[in-house]
Amino acid sequence: MIYKPKGVCSQSIEINMNGNVIDSVAFTGGCNGNLQGISSLVKGMTAEEAISRLKGIRCGFKSTSCPDQLAQALESVLQQNA
């Protein structure tokens, strides 16, 4: 799935899943090192676990962040697979 985040620097998030387990995440744009770290940390994690850890994180004065947008993308994946 490719998700178009809103309100952040990254332009897209590509997510590959195996059931509800995250196989890989790749961000286009944004803070490269930090987003590579987030992608590495969530690999092998269930979507539910990643959502519970990332949802609601804010970036400075923004109401969202790249991790929060990843959580929203994962929620979309779970809804599509329901």
PDB file of N, CA and C in Angstrom:
ATOM      1  N   MET A   1       0.843  -1.173   0.000  1.00  0.00           N
ATOM      2  CA  MET A   1       0.000   0.000   0.000  1.00  0.00           C
ATOM      3  C   MET A   1       0.886   1.234   0.000  1.00  0.00           C
ATOM      4  N   ILE A   2       0.464   2.251  -0.712  1.00  0.00           N
ATOM      5  CA  ILE A   2       1.143   3.541  -0.689  1.00  0.00           C
ATOM      6  C   ILE A   2       0.164   4.553  -0.108  1.00  0.00           C
ATOM      7  N   TYR A   3       0.590   5.210   0.956  1.00  0.00           N
ATOM      8  CA  TYR A   3      -0.239   6.170   1.678  1.00  0.00           C
ATOM      9  C   TYR A   3       0.335   7.568   1.468  1.00  0.00           C
ATOM     10  N   LYS A   4      -0.533   8.529   1.206  1.00  0.00           N
ATOM     11  CA  LYS A   4      -0.134   9.930   1.031  1.00  0.00           C
ATOM     12  C   LYS A   4      -0.368  10.660   2.350  1.00  0.00           C
ATOM     13  N   PRO A   5       0.688  10.927   3.111  1.00  0.00           N
ATOM     14  CA  PRO A   5       0.525  11.597   4.405  1.00  0.00           C
ATOM     15  C   PRO A   5       0.107  13.052   4.241  1.00  0.00           C
ATOM     16  N   LYS A   6      -0.490  13.589   5.283  1.00  0.00           N
ATOM     17  CA  LYS A   6      -0.974  14.969   5.277  1.00  0.00           C
ATOM     18  C   LYS A   6      -0.340  15.729   6.440  1.00  0.00           C
ATOM     19  N   GLY A   7       0.113  16.961   6.168  1.00  0.00           N
ATOM     20  CA  GLY A   7       0.603  17.831   7.220  1.00  0.00           C
ATOM     21  C   GLY A   7       2.025  17.565   7.681  1.00  0.00           C
ATOM     22  N   VAL A   8       2.793  16.782   6.907  1.00  0.00           N
ATOM     23  CA  VAL A   8       4.176  16.467   7.267  1.00  0.00           C
ATOM     24  C   VAL A   8       5.084  16.640   6.055  1.00  0.00           C
ATOM     25  N   CYS A   9       6.384  16.525   6.281  1.00  0.00           N
ATOM     26  CA  CYS A   9       7.361  16.717   5.199  1.00  0.00           C
ATOM     27  C   CYS A   9       7.417  15.537   4.225  1.00  0.00           C
ATOM     28  N   SER A  10       7.179  14.323   4.718  1.00  0.00           N
ATOM     29  CA  SER A  10       7.256  13.173   3.815  1.00  0.00           C
ATOM     30  C   SER A  10       6.104  13.207   2.817  1.00  0.00           C
ATOM     31  N   GLN A  11       6.380  12.708   1.599  1.00  0.00           N
ATOM     32  CA  GLN A  11       5.384  12.762   0.525  1.00  0.00           C
ATOM     33  C   GLN A  11       4.604  11.466   0.366  1.00  0.00           C
ATOM     34  N   SER A  12       5.199  10.346   0.771  1.00  0.00           N
ATOM     35  CA  SER A  12       4.475   9.071   0.686  1.00  0.00           C
ATOM     36  C   SER A  12       5.095   8.074   1.662  1.00  0.00           C
ATOM     37  N   ILE A  13       4.260   7.085   2.028  1.00  0.00           N
ATOM     38  CA  ILE A  13       4.696   5.992   2.891  1.00  0.00           C
ATOM     39  C   ILE A  13       4.282   4.702   2.195  1.00  0.00           C
ATOM     40  N   GLU A  14       5.265   3.858   1.890  1.00  0.00           N
ATOM     41  CA  GLU A  14       4.973   2.554   1.283  1.00  0.00           C
ATOM     42  C   GLU A  14       5.068   1.496   2.370  1.00  0.00           C
ATOM     43  N   ILE A  15       3.995   0.720   2.519  1.00  0.00           N
ATOM     44  CA  ILE A  15       3.913  -0.290   3.572  1.00  0.00           C
ATOM     45  C   ILE A  15       3.675  -1.650   2.942  1.00  0.00           C
ATOM     46  N   ASN A  16       4.472  -2.623   3.337  1.00  0.00           N
ATOM     47  CA  ASN A  16       4.271  -4.013   2.933  1.00  0.00           C
ATOM     48  C   ASN A  16       3.982  -4.826   4.185  1.00  0.00           C
ATOM     49  N   MET A  17       2.888  -5.587   4.130  1.00  0.00           N
ATOM     50  CA  MET A  17       2.435  -6.361   5.286  1.00  0.00           C
ATOM     51  C   MET A  17       2.358  -7.841   4.941  1.00  0.00           C
ATOM     52  N   ASN A  18       2.483  -8.667   5.965  1.00  0.00           N
ATOM     53  CA  ASN A  18       2.226 -10.098   5.877  1.00  0.00           C
ATOM     54  C   ASN A  18       1.181 -10.378   6.940  1.00  0.00           C
ATOM     55  N   GLY A  19      -0.073 -10.408   6.529  1.00  0.00           N
ATOM     56  CA  GLY A  19      -1.163 -10.475   7.509  1.00  0.00           C
ATOM     57  C   GLY A  19      -1.217  -9.151   8.236  1.00  0.00           C
ATOM     58  N   ASN A  20      -1.094  -9.186   9.567  1.00  0.00           N
ATOM     59  CA  ASN A  20      -1.080  -7.933  10.325  1.00  0.00           C
ATOM     60  C   ASN A  20       0.329  -7.573  10.803  1.00  0.00           C
ATOM     61  N   VAL A  21       1.349  -8.249  10.269  1.00  0.00           N
ATOM     62  CA  VAL A  21       2.740  -7.989  10.636  1.00  0.00           C
ATOM     63  C   VAL A  21       3.402  -7.142   9.553  1.00  0.00           C
ATOM     64  N   ILE A  22       4.136  -6.129   9.993  1.00  0.00           N
ATOM     65  CA  ILE A  22       4.793  -5.198   9.074  1.00  0.00           C
ATOM     66  C   ILE A  22       6.064  -5.849   8.523  1.00  0.00           C
ATOM     67  N   ASP A  23       6.121  -6.013   7.193  1.00  0.00           N
ATOM     68  CA  ASP A  23       7.325  -6.528   6.529  1.00  0.00           C
ATOM     69  C   ASP A  23       8.315  -5.408   6.260  1.00  0.00           C
ATOM     70  N   SER A  24       7.806  -4.270   5.767  1.00  0.00           N
ATOM     71  CA  SER A  24       8.691  -3.139   5.485  1.00  0.00           C
ATOM     72  C   SER A  24       7.886  -1.852   5.399  1.00  0.00           C
ATOM     73  N   VAL A  25       8.578  -0.754   5.692  1.00  0.00           N
ATOM     74  CA  VAL A  25       8.019   0.591   5.557  1.00  0.00           C
ATOM     75  C   VAL A  25       9.085   1.441   4.899  1.00  0.00           C
ATOM     76  N   ALA A  26       8.703   2.230   3.901  1.00  0.00           N
ATOM     77  CA  ALA A  26       9.642   3.142   3.241  1.00  0.00           C
ATOM     78  C   ALA A  26       8.963   4.498   3.074  1.00  0.00           C
ATOM     79  N   PHE A  27       9.614   5.529   3.594  1.00  0.00           N
ATOM     80  CA  PHE A  27       9.122   6.906   3.463  1.00  0.00           C
ATOM     81  C   PHE A  27       9.824   7.563   2.289  1.00  0.00           C
ATOM     82  N   THR A  28       9.102   8.402   1.556  1.00  0.00           N
ATOM     83  CA  THR A  28       9.683   9.261   0.526  1.00  0.00           C
ATOM     84  C   THR A  28       9.618  10.682   1.054  1.00  0.00           C
ATOM     85  N   GLY A  29      10.772  11.340   1.126  1.00  0.00           N
ATOM     86  CA  GLY A  29      10.840  12.683   1.687  1.00  0.00           C
ATOM     87  C   GLY A  29      10.932  12.624   3.199  1.00  0.00           C
ATOM     88  N   GLY A  30      10.974  13.779   3.818  1.00  0.00           N
ATOM     89  CA  GLY A  30      11.045  13.850   5.272  1.00  0.00           C
ATOM     90  C   GLY A  30      12.472  13.735   5.773  1.00  0.00           C
ATOM     91  N   CYS A  31      12.628  13.540   7.060  1.00  0.00           N
ATOM     92  CA  CYS A  31      13.930  13.445   7.726  1.00  0.00           C
ATOM     93  C   CYS A  31      14.480  12.032   7.547  1.00  0.00           C
ATOM     94  N   ASN A  32      15.322  11.848   6.568  1.00  0.00           N
ATOM     95  CA  ASN A  32      15.749  10.528   6.106  1.00  0.00           C
ATOM     96  C   ASN A  32      16.234   9.613   7.228  1.00  0.00           C
ATOM     97  N   GLY A  33      17.172  10.075   8.037  1.00  0.00           N
ATOM     98  CA  GLY A  33      17.727   9.210   9.085  1.00  0.00           C
ATOM     99  C   GLY A  33      16.688   8.780  10.094  1.00  0.00           C
ATOM    100  N   ASN A  34      15.882   9.718  10.563  1.00  0.00           N
ATOM    101  CA  ASN A  34      14.847   9.389  11.544  1.00  0.00           C
ATOM    102  C   ASN A  34      13.823   8.422  10.970  1.00  0.00           C
ATOM    103  N   LEU A  35      13.437   8.640   9.723  1.00  0.00           N
ATOM    104  CA  LEU A  35      12.413   7.786   9.122  1.00  0.00           C
ATOM    105  C   LEU A  35      12.950   6.396   8.803  1.00  0.00           C
ATOM    106  N   GLN A  36      14.236   6.299   8.475  1.00  0.00           N
ATOM    107  CA  GLN A  36      14.843   4.975   8.311  1.00  0.00           C
ATOM    108  C   GLN A  36      14.834   4.236   9.650  1.00  0.00           C
ATOM    109  N   GLY A  37      15.098   4.976  10.731  1.00  0.00           N
ATOM    110  CA  GLY A  37      15.078   4.375  12.062  1.00  0.00           C
ATOM    111  C   GLY A  37      13.699   3.866  12.430  1.00  0.00           C
ATOM    112  N   ILE A  38      12.677   4.674  12.195  1.00  0.00           N
ATOM    113  CA  ILE A  38      11.303   4.265  12.488  1.00  0.00           C
ATOM    114  C   ILE A  38      10.944   3.035  11.659  1.00  0.00           C
ATOM    115  N   SER A  39      11.308   3.062  10.373  1.00  0.00           N
ATOM    116  CA  SER A  39      11.010   1.924   9.492  1.00  0.00           C
ATOM    117  C   SER A  39      11.661   0.652   9.994  1.00  0.00           C
ATOM    118  N   SER A  40      12.890   0.760  10.467  1.00  0.00           N
ATOM    119  CA  SER A  40      13.605  -0.406  10.986  1.00  0.00           C
ATOM    120  C   SER A  40      12.977  -0.911  12.288  1.00  0.00           C
ATOM    121  N   LEU A  41      12.579   0.005  13.142  1.00  0.00           N
ATOM    122  CA  LEU A  41      12.010  -0.386  14.434  1.00  0.00           C
ATOM    123  C   LEU A  41      10.664  -1.089  14.308  1.00  0.00           C
ATOM    124  N   VAL A  42       9.832  -0.688  13.340  1.00  0.00           N
ATOM    125  CA  VAL A  42       8.500  -1.297  13.227  1.00  0.00           C
ATOM    126  C   VAL A  42       8.512  -2.597  12.425  1.00  0.00           C
ATOM    127  N   LYS A  43       9.605  -2.892  11.737  1.00  0.00           N
ATOM    128  CA  LYS A  43       9.680  -4.139  10.955  1.00  0.00           C
ATOM    129  C   LYS A  43       9.509  -5.338  11.889  1.00  0.00           C
ATOM    130  N   GLY A  44       8.578  -6.218  11.544  1.00  0.00           N
ATOM    131  CA  GLY A  44       8.295  -7.403  12.353  1.00  0.00           C
ATOM    132  C   GLY A  44       7.273  -7.162  13.447  1.00  0.00           C
ATOM    133  N   MET A  45       6.873  -5.925  13.649  1.00  0.00           N
ATOM    134  CA  MET A  45       5.882  -5.565  14.664  1.00  0.00           C
ATOM    135  C   MET A  45       4.480  -5.724  14.070  1.00  0.00           C
ATOM    136  N   THR A  46       3.511  -6.039  14.908  1.00  0.00           N
ATOM    137  CA  THR A  46       2.142  -6.060  14.408  1.00  0.00           C
ATOM    138  C   THR A  46       1.689  -4.623  14.168  1.00  0.00           C
ATOM    139  N   ALA A  47       0.751  -4.469  13.261  1.00  0.00           N
ATOM    140  CA  ALA A  47       0.215  -3.143  12.970  1.00  0.00           C
ATOM    141  C   ALA A  47      -0.396  -2.538  14.227  1.00  0.00           C
ATOM    142  N   GLU A  48      -1.083  -3.347  15.003  1.00  0.00           N
ATOM    143  CA  GLU A  48      -1.731  -2.858  16.223  1.00  0.00           C
ATOM    144  C   GLU A  48      -0.713  -2.312  17.219  1.00  0.00           C
ATOM    145  N   GLU A  49       0.400  -3.006  17.385  1.00  0.00           N
ATOM    146  CA  GLU A  49       1.452  -2.559  18.307  1.00  0.00           C
ATOM    147  C   GLU A  49       2.063  -1.247  17.824  1.00  0.00           C
ATOM    148  N   ALA A  50       2.361  -1.162  16.532  1.00  0.00           N
ATOM    149  CA  ALA A  50       2.943   0.063  15.977  1.00  0.00           C
ATOM    150  C   ALA A  50       1.977   1.231  16.143  1.00  0.00           C
ATOM    151  N   ILE A  51       0.704   1.007  15.875  1.00  0.00           N
ATOM    152  CA  ILE A  51      -0.301   2.061  16.030  1.00  0.00           C
ATOM    153  C   ILE A  51      -0.328   2.550  17.473  1.00  0.00           C
ATOM    154  N   SER A  52      -0.337   1.622  18.428  1.00  0.00           N
ATOM    155  CA  SER A  52      -0.418   2.022  19.840  1.00  0.00           C
ATOM    156  C   SER A  52       0.806   2.818  20.271  1.00  0.00           C
ATOM    157  N   ARG A  53       1.957   2.569  19.652  1.00  0.00           N
ATOM    158  CA  ARG A  53       3.185   3.288  20.013  1.00  0.00           C
ATOM    159  C   ARG A  53       3.325   4.629  19.290  1.00  0.00           C
ATOM    160  N   LEU A  54       2.797   4.742  18.077  1.00  0.00           N
ATOM    161  CA  LEU A  54       3.066   5.909  17.235  1.00  0.00           C
ATOM    162  C   LEU A  54       1.927   6.923  17.157  1.00  0.00           C
ATOM    163  N   LYS A  55       0.707   6.472  17.354  1.00  0.00           N
ATOM    164  CA  LYS A  55      -0.452   7.358  17.170  1.00  0.00           C
ATOM    165  C   LYS A  55      -0.411   8.510  18.174  1.00  0.00           C
ATOM    166  N   GLY A  56      -0.621   9.715  17.650  1.00  0.00           N
ATOM    167  CA  GLY A  56      -0.696  10.894  18.498  1.00  0.00           C
ATOM    168  C   GLY A  56       0.614  11.643  18.680  1.00  0.00           C
ATOM    169  N   ILE A  57       1.723  11.105  18.159  1.00  0.00           N
ATOM    170  CA  ILE A  57       3.001  11.813  18.256  1.00  0.00           C
ATOM    171  C   ILE A  57       2.920  13.061  17.388  1.00  0.00           C
ATOM    172  N   ARG A  58       3.405  14.162  17.924  1.00  0.00           N
ATOM    173  CA  ARG A  58       3.359  15.434  17.205  1.00  0.00           C
ATOM    174  C   ARG A  58       4.765  15.876  16.846  1.00  0.00           C
ATOM    175  N   CYS A  59       4.870  16.663  15.788  1.00  0.00           N
ATOM    176  CA  CYS A  59       6.147  17.220  15.338  1.00  0.00           C
ATOM    177  C   CYS A  59       6.104  18.730  15.567  1.00  0.00           C
ATOM    178  N   GLY A  60       6.819  19.192  16.584  1.00  0.00           N
ATOM    179  CA  GLY A  60       6.811  20.619  16.896  1.00  0.00           C
ATOM    180  C   GLY A  60       5.404  21.107  17.170  1.00  0.00           C
ATOM    181  N   PHE A  61       5.003  22.158  16.463  1.00  0.00           N
ATOM    182  CA  PHE A  61       3.676  22.733  16.656  1.00  0.00           C
ATOM    183  C   PHE A  61       2.627  22.119  15.734  1.00  0.00           C
ATOM    184  N   LYS A  62       3.031  21.143  14.915  1.00  0.00           N
ATOM    185  CA  LYS A  62       2.080  20.483  14.015  1.00  0.00           C
ATOM    186  C   LYS A  62       1.173  19.558  14.822  1.00  0.00           C
ATOM    187  N   SER A  63      -0.003  19.312  14.312  1.00  0.00           N
ATOM    188  CA  SER A  63      -0.944  18.422  15.001  1.00  0.00           C
ATOM    189  C   SER A  63      -0.673  16.955  14.693  1.00  0.00           C
ATOM    190  N   THR A  64       0.334  16.681  13.874  1.00  0.00           N
ATOM    191  CA  THR A  64       0.670  15.315  13.477  1.00  0.00           C
ATOM    192  C   THR A  64       2.184  15.211  13.299  1.00  0.00           C
ATOM    193  N   SER A  65       2.644  14.061  12.870  1.00  0.00           N
ATOM    194  CA  SER A  65       4.065  13.806  12.607  1.00  0.00           C
ATOM    195  C   SER A  65       4.156  12.646  11.632  1.00  0.00           C
ATOM    196  N   CYS A  66       5.338  12.359  11.147  1.00  0.00           N
ATOM    197  CA  CYS A  66       5.500  11.187  10.272  1.00  0.00           C
ATOM    198  C   CYS A  66       5.154   9.887  11.004  1.00  0.00           C
ATOM    199  N   PRO A  67       5.570   9.700  12.275  1.00  0.00           N
ATOM    200  CA  PRO A  67       5.140   8.488  12.978  1.00  0.00           C
ATOM    201  C   PRO A  67       3.611   8.408  13.120  1.00  0.00           C
ATOM    202  N   ASP A  68       2.968   9.537  13.424  1.00  0.00           N
ATOM    203  CA  ASP A  68       1.512   9.555  13.539  1.00  0.00           C
ATOM    204  C   ASP A  68       0.862   9.229  12.200  1.00  0.00           C
ATOM    205  N   GLN A  69       1.419   9.756  11.111  1.00  0.00           N
ATOM    206  CA  GLN A  69       0.893   9.459   9.781  1.00  0.00           C
ATOM    207  C   GLN A  69       1.072   7.979   9.440  1.00  0.00           C
ATOM    208  N   LEU A  70       2.173   7.375   9.885  1.00  0.00           N
ATOM    209  CA  LEU A  70       2.364   5.932   9.693  1.00  0.00           C
ATOM    210  C   LEU A  70       1.278   5.169  10.445  1.00  0.00           C
ATOM    211  N   ALA A  71       0.973   5.590  11.672  1.00  0.00           N
ATOM    212  CA  ALA A  71      -0.096   4.942  12.439  1.00  0.00           C
ATOM    213  C   ALA A  71      -1.423   5.048  11.699  1.00  0.00           C
ATOM    214  N   GLN A  72      -1.704   6.220  11.132  1.00  0.00           N
ATOM    215  CA  GLN A  72      -2.948   6.389  10.380  1.00  0.00           C
ATOM    216  C   GLN A  72      -2.958   5.515   9.127  1.00  0.00           C
ATOM    217  N   ALA A  73      -1.812   5.391   8.475  1.00  0.00           N
ATOM    218  CA  ALA A  73      -1.715   4.518   7.298  1.00  0.00           C
ATOM    219  C   ALA A  73      -1.982   3.074   7.693  1.00  0.00           C
ATOM    220  N   LEU A  74      -1.409   2.641   8.811  1.00  0.00           N
ATOM    221  CA  LEU A  74      -1.608   1.265   9.274  1.00  0.00           C
ATOM    222  C   LEU A  74      -3.071   1.024   9.643  1.00  0.00           C
ATOM    223  N   GLU A  75      -3.730   2.020  10.216  1.00  0.00           N
ATOM    224  CA  GLU A  75      -5.162   1.882  10.502  1.00  0.00           C
ATOM    225  C   GLU A  75      -5.945   1.694   9.209  1.00  0.00           C
ATOM    226  N   SER A  76      -5.553   2.404   8.168  1.00  0.00           N
ATOM    227  CA  SER A  76      -6.206   2.248   6.861  1.00  0.00           C
ATOM    228  C   SER A  76      -6.017   0.837   6.319  1.00  0.00           C
ATOM    229  N   VAL A  77      -4.807   0.301   6.460  1.00  0.00           N
ATOM    230  CA  VAL A  77      -4.531  -1.064   6.009  1.00  0.00           C
ATOM    231  C   VAL A  77      -5.414  -2.057   6.753  1.00  0.00           C
ATOM    232  N   LEU A  78      -5.509  -1.903   8.067  1.00  0.00           N
ATOM    233  CA  LEU A  78      -6.328  -2.821   8.864  1.00  0.00           C
ATOM    234  C   LEU A  78      -7.790  -2.723   8.483  1.00  0.00           C
ATOM    235  N   GLN A  79      -8.286  -1.515   8.208  1.00  0.00           N
ATOM    236  CA  GLN A  79      -9.685  -1.342   7.793  1.00  0.00           C
ATOM    237  C   GLN A  79      -9.954  -1.994   6.447  1.00  0.00           C
ATOM    238  N   GLN A  80      -8.988  -1.862   5.523  1.00  0.00           N
ATOM    239  CA  GLN A  80      -9.146  -2.465   4.197  1.00  0.00           C
ATOM    240  C   GLN A  80      -9.162  -3.980   4.281  1.00  0.00           C
ATOM    241  N   ASN A  81      -8.397  -4.539   5.225  1.00  0.00           N
ATOM    242  CA  ASN A  81      -8.286  -5.992   5.341  1.00  0.00           C
ATOM    243  C   ASN A  81      -9.362  -6.598   6.209  1.00  0.00           C
ATOM    244  N   ALA A  82     -10.207  -5.754   6.830  1.00  0.00           N
ATOM    245  CA  ALA A  82     -11.255  -6.259   7.727  1.00  0.00           C
ATOM    246  C   ALA A  82     -12.395  -6.887   6.960  1.00  0.00           C
TER     247      ALA A  82
END
